[in-house]
Amino acid sequence: MDATQLLKGVLDVAVLAVVETEDGYGYDVVRRLRTAGLEEVGDASVYGTLRRLYSAGALTSYVVPSEEGPHRKYYGITAQGRSMLELQRKVWNEFAHTMNDLLTGEAA
């Protein structure tokens, strides 16, 4: 099974989960996803996801000056993003339970 195909389907919720407790700039979000075990996540995919979630109202953004290079655009989760994340958690749990039942032969 190709994990990159699975990742495409869950990248939005993964990004929301990463910024749920702490805002982050683009590469920081990439790094946190990789540290969490999503090593194959692409930089461009995450940056596109951040822009899409921002446009959808799920994220807010602000710029922080950096003495080490260009200014960094940080993203934080909005109330709408928290609602999206909560719904996606429920959907994920139901889906994962169903798949586990199917894969272990316990499906009805």
Protein backbone atom coordinates (compact mmCIF):
# COMPACT_ATOMS: atom_id res chain seq x y z
CA MET A 1 0.00 0.00 0.00
CA ASP A 2 1.29 3.43 -0.94
CA ALA A 3 1.23 5.63 2.18
CA THR A 4 1.52 8.80 0.09
CA GLN A 5 -1.99 8.18 -1.30
CA LEU A 6 -3.34 7.78 2.23
CA LEU A 7 -1.55 10.96 3.29
CA LYS A 8 -3.27 13.01 0.59
CA GLY A 9 -6.62 12.14 2.10
CA VAL A 10 -5.71 13.12 5.64
CA LEU A 11 -3.30 16.03 5.21
CA ASP A 12 -5.88 18.69 6.07
CA VAL A 13 -6.75 17.07 9.39
CA ALA A 14 -3.07 16.35 10.14
CA VAL A 15 -2.16 20.01 9.63
CA LEU A 16 -5.07 21.16 11.80
CA ALA A 17 -3.97 18.74 14.53
CA VAL A 18 -0.39 20.03 14.39
CA VAL A 19 -1.41 23.68 14.87
CA GLU A 20 -4.18 22.94 17.36
CA THR A 21 -2.02 23.54 20.44
CA GLU A 22 0.74 25.70 19.00
CA ASP A 23 0.88 28.04 16.01
CA GLY A 24 3.57 27.31 13.46
CA TYR A 25 5.15 28.63 10.28
CA GLY A 26 5.27 26.55 7.11
CA TYR A 27 8.48 24.61 7.55
CA ASP A 28 7.79 24.19 11.28
CA VAL A 29 4.50 22.47 10.40
CA VAL A 30 6.34 20.23 7.91
CA ARG A 31 8.93 19.36 10.56
CA ARG A 32 6.30 18.53 13.18
CA LEU A 33 4.41 16.29 10.75
CA ARG A 34 7.61 14.45 9.88
CA THR A 35 8.58 14.12 13.54
CA ALA A 36 5.14 12.66 14.24
CA GLY A 37 5.82 9.90 11.70
CA LEU A 38 4.64 11.33 8.38
CA GLU A 39 8.16 11.34 6.94
CA GLU A 40 6.99 11.31 3.32
CA VAL A 41 4.97 14.53 3.55
CA GLY A 42 6.10 17.02 0.91
CA ASP A 43 6.88 20.65 1.61
CA ALA A 44 4.76 21.87 -1.30
CA SER A 45 1.78 19.77 -0.19
CA VAL A 46 1.88 21.25 3.31
CA TYR A 47 2.27 24.83 2.07
CA GLY A 48 -0.67 24.30 -0.30
CA THR A 49 -2.73 22.83 2.52
CA LEU A 50 -1.93 25.77 4.79
CA ARG A 51 -3.06 28.22 2.08
CA ARG A 52 -6.23 26.24 1.38
CA LEU A 53 -7.17 25.96 5.07
CA TYR A 54 -6.47 29.67 5.53
CA SER A 55 -8.72 30.52 2.55
CA ALA A 56 -11.43 28.28 4.00
CA GLY A 57 -11.33 30.15 7.32
CA ALA A 58 -9.91 27.23 9.31
CA LEU A 59 -6.60 29.00 9.97
CA THR A 60 -5.52 32.50 10.78
CA SER A 61 -2.10 33.87 9.87
CA TYR A 62 0.29 36.55 11.02
CA VAL A 63 3.84 37.55 10.16
CA VAL A 64 6.70 37.50 12.67
CA PRO A 65 10.00 39.23 11.83
CA SER A 66 13.03 36.96 11.87
CA GLU A 67 16.62 38.01 12.52
CA GLU A 68 17.84 34.83 10.80
CA GLY A 69 16.28 35.45 7.40
CA PRO A 70 12.95 36.42 5.86
CA HIS A 71 9.90 37.09 7.99
CA ARG A 72 7.90 34.00 8.89
CA LYS A 73 4.20 33.59 8.29
CA TYR A 74 2.67 31.75 11.24
CA TYR A 75 -0.62 29.89 11.14
CA GLY A 76 -3.01 29.26 14.02
CA ILE A 77 -6.30 27.43 14.22
CA THR A 78 -9.60 29.34 14.28
CA ALA A 79 -12.88 28.37 15.93
CA GLN A 80 -14.06 27.11 12.53
CA GLY A 81 -10.85 25.08 12.22
CA ARG A 82 -11.41 23.56 15.67
CA SER A 83 -14.91 22.53 14.63
CA MET A 84 -13.53 21.00 11.43
CA LEU A 85 -10.88 19.14 13.41
CA GLU A 86 -13.39 17.79 15.92
CA LEU A 87 -15.65 16.52 13.13
CA GLN A 88 -12.70 14.96 11.28
CA ARG A 89 -11.58 13.21 14.48
CA LYS A 90 -14.98 11.54 14.72
CA VAL A 91 -14.96 10.59 11.05
CA TRP A 92 -11.41 9.22 11.35
CA ASN A 93 -12.23 7.15 14.44
CA GLU A 94 -15.26 5.59 12.76
CA PHE A 95 -13.33 4.93 9.55
CA ALA A 96 -10.32 3.45 11.37
CA HIS A 97 -12.60 1.21 13.44
CA THR A 98 -14.34 -0.04 10.31
CA MET A 99 -11.05 -0.68 8.51
CA ASN A 100 -9.60 -2.49 11.53
CA ASP A 101 -12.67 -4.72 11.63
CA LEU A 102 -12.36 -5.46 7.90
CA LEU A 103 -8.65 -6.18 8.05
CA THR A 104 -8.92 -8.44 11.08
CA GLY A 105 -11.93 -10.31 9.70
CA GLU A 106 -14.25 -9.03 12.43
CA ALA A 107 -16.59 -7.11 10.10
CA ALA A 108 -20.25 -8.06 10.35
